[in-house]
């Protein structure tokens, strides 16, 4: 008598899955070019602030020596040295520094958003891999059951309890189950390869032990003004503020700048004539202060001011666009996640019954209590429900990842947002 066959229940979403997901996300952050670019933008913005923190540019030193020889071999020697310092209106530098500091804050927010986007992509990739793994496991159980059915049909045909057609149909069902299993394994390999590329792993096979359904972070309930606190809205607001400060700096740069200097010089005359004895005069010492001021004859900062205003206009348009899309994208993403969660929960409630019924159908045919047509038809209907549960769980994870991006709040996945 053939041994009883039993299907195993699928994996469920549990908190135990959080650790592998966090580890994969951390790996992806270290390898992501988007995160690297955002981090470089932060470093560049901070370097600009450091440069603008310098109150005065470096002073200049000028030195010169001149010797003239004229008729009758009269010589004159002049020498001078001066220290010059450029003085600019402090308001222009301070305005640019304020704008640069605002840009640093915006760059840090964009870095947090880049990390959130990578985290969401890893979560979706883990969900897709877990779904592929569950699908492959179900297909393997079906293939094992199909082999058992084919063997039982062969024995029944040899015993005269069934015709040769039934045995042929059972062998055809076995072949279809084996083909579906091969396709499911190929799908799992493809999903693991995609996840491996996302985290830049060299050994993709090691990922197969870490692929479990991810624990999903709780999502907030939207309020009427929640879009105003989205990190991308805040970053766009800071970009506009920084651009406006750049306009202030460009306009202040139109004011005249000055260069002040302190200098010392001397000149000495030497007479060497054939008619007069050689005479060396005492040197004349000169000390003085010089002041040079630029004349605003040409409006030479017009182009820079126009560029700053264009940047501000672009930042304003970006902010308005982000605000318009914020509320709609947030509500749509959350509604999609709620719908996917409801579907997955309803199918999960039937999983135990479906799993048990699959085993019962299999064993009923092997025991001769059920015909092949009825067994295959019933099994396929139950199988569709079981595979739909896998797909529903995958859609739930994908919708959750999309909601994370739409909410644009990195704190939902534990990412600190720098002030």
Protein backbone atom coordinates (compact mmCIF):
# COMPACT_ATOMS: atom_id res chain seq x y z
CA UNK A 1 0.00 0.00 0.00
CA UNK A 2 1.34 3.42 -0.92
CA UNK A 3 2.37 5.74 1.87
CA UNK A 4 0.18 8.76 2.56
CA UNK A 5 1.27 11.98 0.87
CA UNK A 6 1.11 15.34 2.65
CA UNK A 7 1.59 18.93 1.46
CA UNK A 8 3.48 21.36 3.75
CA UNK A 9 2.11 24.83 4.59
CA UNK A 10 3.78 27.89 3.09
CA UNK A 11 5.97 30.33 4.96
CA UNK A 12 4.19 33.22 6.67
CA UNK A 13 5.25 36.82 7.19
CA UNK A 14 6.93 36.99 10.59
CA UNK A 15 9.15 39.30 12.62
CA UNK A 16 11.94 36.72 12.43
CA UNK A 17 12.48 37.74 8.81
CA UNK A 18 13.57 41.27 9.75
CA UNK A 19 17.24 40.51 10.48
CA UNK A 20 18.12 39.09 7.03
CA UNK A 21 16.28 41.96 5.33
CA UNK A 22 18.17 44.56 7.38
CA UNK A 23 21.47 42.89 6.54
CA UNK A 24 20.69 42.87 2.81
CA UNK A 25 19.62 46.51 2.92
CA UNK A 26 22.88 47.47 4.65
CA UNK A 27 24.84 45.63 1.95
CA UNK A 28 22.88 47.37 -0.79
CA UNK A 29 23.59 50.79 0.72
CA UNK A 30 27.33 50.22 0.59
CA UNK A 31 27.15 49.20 -3.07
CA UNK A 32 24.45 51.49 -4.44
CA UNK A 33 25.68 54.14 -6.92
CA UNK A 34 22.64 56.28 -6.08
CA UNK A 35 23.58 56.34 -2.39
CA UNK A 36 27.23 57.02 -3.29
CA UNK A 37 26.22 59.98 -5.49
CA UNK A 38 23.97 61.40 -2.78
CA UNK A 39 26.75 61.04 -0.19
CA UNK A 40 29.16 62.81 -2.56
CA UNK A 41 26.65 65.65 -2.94
CA UNK A 42 26.59 66.03 0.85
CA UNK A 43 30.40 66.15 0.99
CA UNK A 44 30.52 68.72 -1.82
CA UNK A 45 27.92 70.92 -0.11
CA UNK A 46 29.81 70.75 3.18
CA UNK A 47 33.06 71.67 1.42
CA UNK A 48 31.37 74.72 -0.08
CA UNK A 49 30.25 75.84 3.37
CA UNK A 50 33.83 75.46 4.65
CA UNK A 51 35.11 77.56 1.76
CA UNK A 52 32.58 80.32 2.38
CA UNK A 53 33.44 80.34 6.08
CA UNK A 54 36.74 82.05 5.24
CA UNK A 55 36.19 85.72 6.06
CA UNK A 56 38.91 87.22 3.85
CA UNK A 57 40.82 85.95 0.84
CA UNK A 58 44.59 85.58 1.06
CA UNK A 59 46.51 88.89 1.06
CA UNK A 60 48.83 89.80 -1.81
CA UNK A 61 52.45 90.99 -1.73
CA UNK A 62 53.82 93.21 -4.47
CA UNK A 63 57.51 94.08 -4.86
CA UNK A 64 59.41 95.89 -7.56
CA UNK A 65 62.89 97.20 -8.36
CA UNK A 66 63.71 99.66 -11.17
CA UNK A 67 67.01 101.08 -12.38
CA UNK A 68 67.22 103.71 -15.10
CA UNK A 69 70.38 104.79 -16.98
CA UNK A 70 70.13 108.15 -18.72
CA UNK A 71 72.50 110.55 -20.54
CA UNK A 72 75.72 111.40 -18.73
CA UNK A 73 75.50 108.10 -16.94
CA UNK A 74 73.09 109.32 -14.37
CA UNK A 75 71.46 106.36 -12.64
CA UNK A 76 68.32 106.16 -10.56
CA UNK A 77 67.36 103.17 -8.43
CA UNK A 78 63.78 102.69 -7.20
CA UNK A 79 62.47 99.87 -5.00
CA UNK A 80 59.11 99.31 -3.36
CA UNK A 81 57.13 96.62 -1.55
CA UNK A 82 53.43 96.56 -0.63
CA UNK A 83 50.92 94.25 1.11
CA UNK A 84 47.41 94.32 -0.38
CA UNK A 85 44.15 92.93 0.98
CA UNK A 86 40.91 92.61 -0.96
CA UNK A 87 37.80 93.70 0.95
CA UNK A 88 34.34 92.61 -0.17
CA UNK A 89 30.96 93.41 1.26
CA UNK A 90 30.35 90.84 4.02
CA UNK A 91 26.68 90.54 3.18
CA UNK A 92 27.38 88.76 -0.10
CA UNK A 93 29.56 86.11 1.51
CA UNK A 94 27.11 85.59 4.37
CA UNK A 95 24.20 85.21 1.96
CA UNK A 96 26.08 82.62 -0.05
CA UNK A 97 27.14 80.82 3.12
CA UNK A 98 23.52 80.67 4.36
CA UNK A 99 22.49 79.28 1.01
CA UNK A 100 25.28 76.70 1.11
CA UNK A 101 24.31 75.60 4.63
CA UNK A 102 20.71 75.19 3.46
CA UNK A 103 21.99 73.14 0.53
CA UNK A 104 23.80 70.85 2.99
CA UNK A 105 20.53 70.17 4.81
CA UNK A 106 18.77 69.46 1.52
CA UNK A 107 21.59 67.14 0.40
CA UNK A 108 21.36 65.17 3.65
CA UNK A 109 17.63 64.72 3.11
CA UNK A 110 18.25 63.53 -0.45
CA UNK A 111 20.79 61.03 0.92
CA UNK A 112 18.14 59.69 3.31
CA UNK A 113 15.70 59.43 0.41
CA UNK A 114 18.26 57.56 -1.70
CA UNK A 115 18.73 55.06 1.13
CA UNK A 116 14.96 54.71 1.49
CA UNK A 117 14.60 54.00 -2.23
CA UNK A 118 17.29 51.30 -2.04
CA UNK A 119 15.66 49.80 1.05
CA UNK A 120 12.30 49.65 -0.76
CA UNK A 121 13.88 48.00 -3.81
CA UNK A 122 15.60 45.41 -1.62
CA UNK A 123 12.36 44.71 0.23
CA UNK A 124 10.52 44.21 -3.06
CA UNK A 125 13.36 42.01 -4.34
CA UNK A 126 13.30 39.86 -1.22
CA UNK A 127 9.51 39.53 -1.53
CA UNK A 128 9.78 38.49 -5.17
CA UNK A 129 12.50 35.95 -4.28
CA UNK A 130 10.45 34.57 -1.39
CA UNK A 131 7.45 34.22 -3.70
CA UNK A 132 9.59 32.43 -6.28
CA UNK A 133 10.95 30.11 -3.57
CA UNK A 134 7.43 29.29 -2.34
CA UNK A 135 6.25 28.77 -5.90
CA UNK A 136 9.15 26.38 -6.56
CA UNK A 137 8.40 24.48 -3.35
CA UNK A 138 4.71 24.10 -4.23
CA UNK A 139 5.63 22.95 -7.73
CA UNK A 140 8.07 20.43 -6.28
CA UNK A 141 5.36 19.02 -4.03
CA UNK A 142 2.97 18.86 -7.00
CA UNK A 143 5.61 17.07 -9.08
CA UNK A 144 6.19 14.59 -6.27
CA UNK A 145 2.44 14.03 -6.02
CA UNK A 146 2.15 13.67 -9.80
CA UNK A 147 4.79 10.96 -9.75
CA UNK A 148 2.84 9.18 -7.02
CA UNK A 149 -0.37 9.49 -9.06
CA UNK A 150 1.33 8.15 -12.18
CA UNK A 151 2.68 5.16 -10.27
CA UNK A 152 -0.74 4.47 -8.74
CA UNK A 153 -2.40 4.73 -12.18
CA UNK A 154 0.13 2.28 -13.63
CA UNK A 155 -0.58 -0.22 -10.89
CA UNK A 156 -4.32 0.17 -11.28
CA UNK A 157 -4.02 -0.36 -15.02
CA UNK A 158 -1.90 -3.51 -14.50
CA UNK A 159 -4.47 -4.81 -12.02
CA UNK A 160 -7.31 -4.14 -14.47
CA UNK A 161 -8.91 -1.57 -12.17
CA UNK A 162 -8.31 1.20 -14.72
CA UNK A 163 -7.72 1.51 -18.43
CA UNK A 164 -4.49 2.32 -20.26
CA UNK A 165 -5.84 5.80 -21.04
CA UNK A 166 -5.92 6.65 -17.34
CA UNK A 167 -2.28 5.62 -16.96
CA UNK A 168 -1.36 7.71 -20.02
CA UNK A 169 -3.18 10.75 -18.64
CA UNK A 170 -1.37 10.32 -15.32
CA UNK A 171 2.01 10.15 -17.08
CA UNK A 172 1.13 13.30 -19.07
CA UNK A 173 0.17 15.07 -15.85
CA UNK A 174 3.51 14.00 -14.36
CA UNK A 175 5.38 15.45 -17.35
CA UNK A 176 3.47 18.75 -17.06
CA UNK A 177 4.24 18.92 -13.34
CA UNK A 178 7.96 18.33 -13.99
CA UNK A 179 7.99 21.06 -16.65
CA UNK A 180 6.24 23.48 -14.29
CA UNK A 181 8.79 22.63 -11.59
CA UNK A 182 11.70 23.35 -13.94
CA UNK A 183 10.14 26.69 -14.89
CA UNK A 184 9.61 27.57 -11.22
CA UNK A 185 13.23 26.78 -10.40
CA UNK A 186 14.40 28.94 -13.29
CA UNK A 187 12.19 31.76 -12.01
CA UNK A 188 13.72 31.42 -8.54
CA UNK A 189 17.23 31.55 -10.00
CA UNK A 190 16.32 34.71 -11.94
CA UNK A 191 14.88 36.44 -8.87
CA UNK A 192 17.92 35.50 -6.78
CA UNK A 193 20.22 36.82 -9.51
CA UNK A 194 18.35 40.13 -9.57
CA UNK A 195 18.56 40.41 -5.78
CA UNK A 196 22.22 39.44 -5.90
CA UNK A 197 22.91 42.24 -8.38
CA UNK A 198 21.07 44.72 -6.16
CA UNK A 199 23.25 43.94 -3.12
CA UNK A 200 26.39 43.33 -5.25
CA UNK A 201 26.94 39.80 -3.93
CA UNK A 202 29.49 37.55 -5.63
CA UNK A 203 27.91 34.33 -4.36
CA UNK A 204 24.22 34.34 -5.26
CA UNK A 205 23.68 30.82 -3.93
CA UNK A 206 24.20 32.05 -0.37
CA UNK A 207 21.15 34.28 -0.76
CA UNK A 208 18.87 31.25 -0.98
CA UNK A 209 19.24 30.72 2.78
CA UNK A 210 18.28 34.36 3.51
CA UNK A 211 15.22 34.57 1.31
CA UNK A 212 12.21 34.64 3.64
CA UNK A 213 9.13 36.77 3.61
CA UNK A 214 10.13 40.20 4.98
CA UNK A 215 8.54 41.71 8.06
CA UNK A 216 6.64 44.79 6.91
CA UNK A 217 7.01 48.03 8.83
CA UNK A 218 3.78 49.63 10.03
CA UNK A 219 2.54 52.43 7.81
CA UNK A 220 0.88 55.59 9.18
CA UNK A 221 -2.67 56.76 8.66
CA UNK A 222 -2.69 59.85 6.47
CA UNK A 223 -3.88 63.22 7.72
CA UNK A 224 -4.93 66.24 5.69
CA UNK A 225 -1.49 67.90 5.86
CA UNK A 226 0.81 64.89 5.91
CA UNK A 227 2.21 65.70 2.47
CA UNK A 228 3.84 68.81 3.94
CA UNK A 229 6.14 66.69 6.11
CA UNK A 230 7.37 64.44 3.33
CA UNK A 231 11.13 64.48 3.18
CA UNK A 232 11.17 65.21 -0.55
CA UNK A 233 8.84 68.19 0.00
CA UNK A 234 11.14 69.45 2.76
CA UNK A 235 14.21 68.95 0.55
CA UNK A 236 12.56 70.85 -2.33
CA UNK A 237 11.66 73.67 0.08
CA UNK A 238 15.27 73.89 1.23
CA UNK A 239 16.45 73.94 -2.39
CA UNK A 240 14.25 76.95 -3.05
CA UNK A 241 15.53 78.74 0.06
CA UNK A 242 19.14 78.07 -0.98
CA UNK A 243 18.47 79.40 -4.49
CA UNK A 244 16.92 82.58 -3.10
CA UNK A 245 19.99 83.16 -0.92
CA UNK A 246 22.16 82.77 -4.00
CA UNK A 247 20.17 85.57 -5.64
CA UNK A 248 20.89 87.79 -2.62
CA UNK A 249 24.58 87.01 -2.86
CA UNK A 250 24.72 87.70 -6.60
CA UNK A 251 22.98 91.04 -6.20
CA UNK A 252 25.30 92.08 -3.36
CA UNK A 253 28.26 91.19 -5.55
CA UNK A 254 27.30 94.11 -7.80
CA UNK A 255 28.47 96.52 -5.10
CA UNK A 256 32.02 97.90 -5.52
CA UNK A 257 34.87 95.96 -3.92
CA UNK A 258 38.01 97.53 -2.52
CA UNK A 259 41.69 96.66 -2.20
CA UNK A 260 43.67 98.33 0.55
CA UNK A 261 47.43 98.20 0.77
CA UNK A 262 50.33 99.36 2.91
CA UNK A 263 53.58 99.99 1.06
CA UNK A 264 57.14 101.13 1.51
CA UNK A 265 59.62 102.36 -1.12
CA UNK A 266 62.80 104.31 -1.67
CA UNK A 267 64.65 105.89 -4.60
CA UNK A 268 68.32 106.84 -4.93
CA UNK A 269 70.12 108.83 -7.63
CA UNK A 270 73.75 108.28 -8.68
CA UNK A 271 75.78 110.78 -10.81
CA UNK A 272 78.85 109.52 -12.64
CA UNK A 273 79.95 112.29 -15.05
CA UNK A 274 83.49 112.88 -16.52
CA UNK A 275 83.11 116.56 -15.65
CA UNK A 276 81.76 116.06 -12.09
CA UNK A 277 82.97 113.97 -9.22
CA UNK A 278 80.80 110.90 -8.51
CA UNK A 279 77.86 111.86 -6.32
CA UNK A 280 75.53 109.48 -4.58
CA UNK A 281 72.46 111.11 -3.15
CA UNK A 282 70.85 110.03 0.04
CA UNK A 283 67.87 107.74 -0.60
CA UNK A 284 64.35 109.04 -0.28
CA UNK A 285 62.11 106.80 1.85
CA UNK A 286 58.39 106.68 1.16
CA UNK A 287 55.61 104.90 3.08
CA UNK A 288 51.97 105.05 2.19
CA UNK A 289 48.52 103.53 2.08
CA UNK A 290 46.76 102.72 -1.18
CA UNK A 291 43.07 102.14 -1.82
CA UNK A 292 41.58 100.80 -5.05
CA UNK A 293 37.83 100.60 -5.61
CA UNK A 294 36.09 98.98 -8.57
CA UNK A 295 33.93 101.32 -10.60
CA UNK A 296 30.47 99.93 -11.43
CA UNK A 297 30.65 101.20 -14.97
CA UNK A 298 29.56 97.93 -16.58
CA UNK A 299 26.76 95.78 -15.18
CA UNK A 300 29.07 92.78 -15.22
CA UNK A 301 27.05 90.68 -12.73
CA UNK A 302 23.86 90.65 -14.80
CA UNK A 303 24.47 87.14 -16.13
CA UNK A 304 25.21 85.72 -12.69
CA UNK A 305 22.07 87.28 -11.24
CA UNK A 306 19.96 85.97 -14.11
CA UNK A 307 21.41 82.49 -13.59
CA UNK A 308 20.60 82.60 -9.86
CA UNK A 309 17.04 83.70 -10.60
CA UNK A 310 16.62 80.91 -13.14
CA UNK A 311 17.81 78.37 -10.57
CA UNK A 312 15.30 79.77 -8.07
CA UNK A 313 12.49 79.54 -10.63
CA UNK A 314 13.39 75.93 -11.33
CA UNK A 315 13.49 75.12 -7.60
CA UNK A 316 10.07 76.76 -7.15
CA UNK A 317 8.59 74.73 -10.01
CA UNK A 318 10.06 71.55 -8.55
CA UNK A 319 8.57 72.31 -5.14
CA UNK A 320 5.11 72.97 -6.58
CA UNK A 321 5.30 69.75 -8.59
CA UNK A 322 6.32 67.65 -5.59
CA UNK A 323 3.56 69.13 -3.46
CA UNK A 324 0.92 68.48 -6.13
CA UNK A 325 1.93 64.85 -6.53
CA UNK A 326 2.50 64.18 -2.84
CA UNK A 327 -1.02 63.72 -1.51
CA UNK A 328 -2.29 61.74 -4.49
CA UNK A 329 0.68 59.36 -4.57
CA UNK A 330 0.53 58.79 -0.81
CA UNK A 331 -3.17 57.99 -0.69
CA UNK A 332 -3.00 55.81 -3.80
CA UNK A 333 -0.04 53.82 -2.51
CA UNK A 334 -1.63 53.25 0.88
CA UNK A 335 -4.93 52.19 -0.69
CA UNK A 336 -3.09 49.70 -2.90
CA UNK A 337 -1.25 48.29 0.10
CA UNK A 338 -4.45 47.95 2.13
CA UNK A 339 -6.15 46.13 -0.73
CA UNK A 340 -3.18 43.80 -1.22
CA UNK A 341 -3.03 43.10 2.52
CA UNK A 342 -6.76 42.28 2.66
CA UNK A 343 -6.45 39.85 -0.24
CA UNK A 344 -3.41 38.15 1.25
CA UNK A 345 -5.08 37.81 4.66
CA UNK A 346 -8.22 36.28 3.21
CA UNK A 347 -6.27 33.74 1.18
CA UNK A 348 -4.01 32.98 4.14
CA UNK A 349 -7.09 32.12 6.20
CA UNK A 350 -7.84 29.27 3.77
CA UNK A 351 -4.27 27.98 3.55
CA UNK A 352 -4.60 25.26 6.20
CA UNK A 353 -7.80 23.88 4.65
CA UNK A 354 -6.39 24.00 1.11
CA UNK A 355 -3.17 22.28 2.16
CA UNK A 356 -5.08 19.54 3.92
CA UNK A 357 -7.49 19.12 0.98
CA UNK A 358 -4.59 18.74 -1.46
CA UNK A 359 -3.17 15.91 0.62
CA UNK A 360 -6.61 14.29 0.96
CA UNK A 361 -7.24 14.35 -2.81
CA UNK A 362 -3.84 12.86 -3.49
CA UNK A 363 -4.27 10.07 -0.99
CA UNK A 364 -7.89 9.40 -2.04
CA UNK A 365 -6.82 8.59 -5.59
CA UNK A 366 -3.89 6.45 -4.48
CA UNK A 367 -6.30 4.51 -2.26
CA UNK A 368 -8.71 4.08 -5.17
CA UNK A 369 -11.48 6.13 -3.59
CA UNK A 370 -11.37 8.84 -6.28
CA UNK A 371 -11.14 8.77 -10.07
CA UNK A 372 -8.24 10.36 -11.91
CA UNK A 373 -10.30 13.05 -13.66
CA UNK A 374 -11.94 14.15 -10.43
CA UNK A 375 -8.64 14.01 -8.57
CA UNK A 376 -6.79 16.14 -11.14
CA UNK A 377 -9.64 18.64 -11.48
CA UNK A 378 -9.96 19.10 -7.73
CA UNK A 379 -6.20 19.25 -7.25
CA UNK A 380 -5.80 21.95 -9.93
CA UNK A 381 -8.50 24.11 -8.37
CA UNK A 382 -6.86 23.83 -4.97
CA UNK A 383 -3.46 24.45 -6.54
CA UNK A 384 -4.64 27.71 -8.12
CA UNK A 385 -5.77 28.91 -4.69
CA UNK A 386 -2.44 27.99 -3.13
CA UNK A 387 -0.39 29.69 -5.84
CA UNK A 388 -2.65 32.74 -5.69
CA UNK A 389 -1.74 33.06 -2.01
CA UNK A 390 1.93 33.18 -2.98
CA UNK A 391 1.21 35.85 -5.58
CA UNK A 392 -0.96 37.81 -3.14
CA UNK A 393 1.84 37.89 -0.58
CA UNK A 394 4.24 39.07 -3.28
CA UNK A 395 1.84 41.86 -4.28
CA UNK A 396 1.52 42.84 -0.62
CA UNK A 397 5.30 43.24 -0.26
CA UNK A 398 5.55 45.15 -3.55
CA UNK A 399 2.73 47.49 -2.49
CA UNK A 400 4.42 48.05 0.87
CA UNK A 401 7.71 48.94 -0.84
CA UNK A 402 5.92 51.34 -3.17
CA UNK A 403 4.15 52.92 -0.19
CA UNK A 404 7.49 53.49 1.55
CA UNK A 405 8.70 55.46 -1.46
CA UNK A 406 5.41 57.36 -1.78
CA UNK A 407 5.36 58.33 1.90
CA UNK A 408 8.97 59.55 1.57
CA UNK A 409 9.64 59.10 5.28
CA UNK A 410 12.97 57.27 5.79
CA UNK A 411 12.25 56.91 9.50
CA UNK A 412 9.70 54.21 8.66
CA UNK A 413 12.59 51.81 7.99
CA UNK A 414 14.88 53.12 10.70
CA UNK A 415 16.87 55.66 8.65
CA UNK A 416 17.85 58.69 10.70
CA UNK A 417 17.07 62.01 9.00
CA UNK A 418 19.80 64.53 9.74
CA UNK A 419 18.61 68.05 10.61
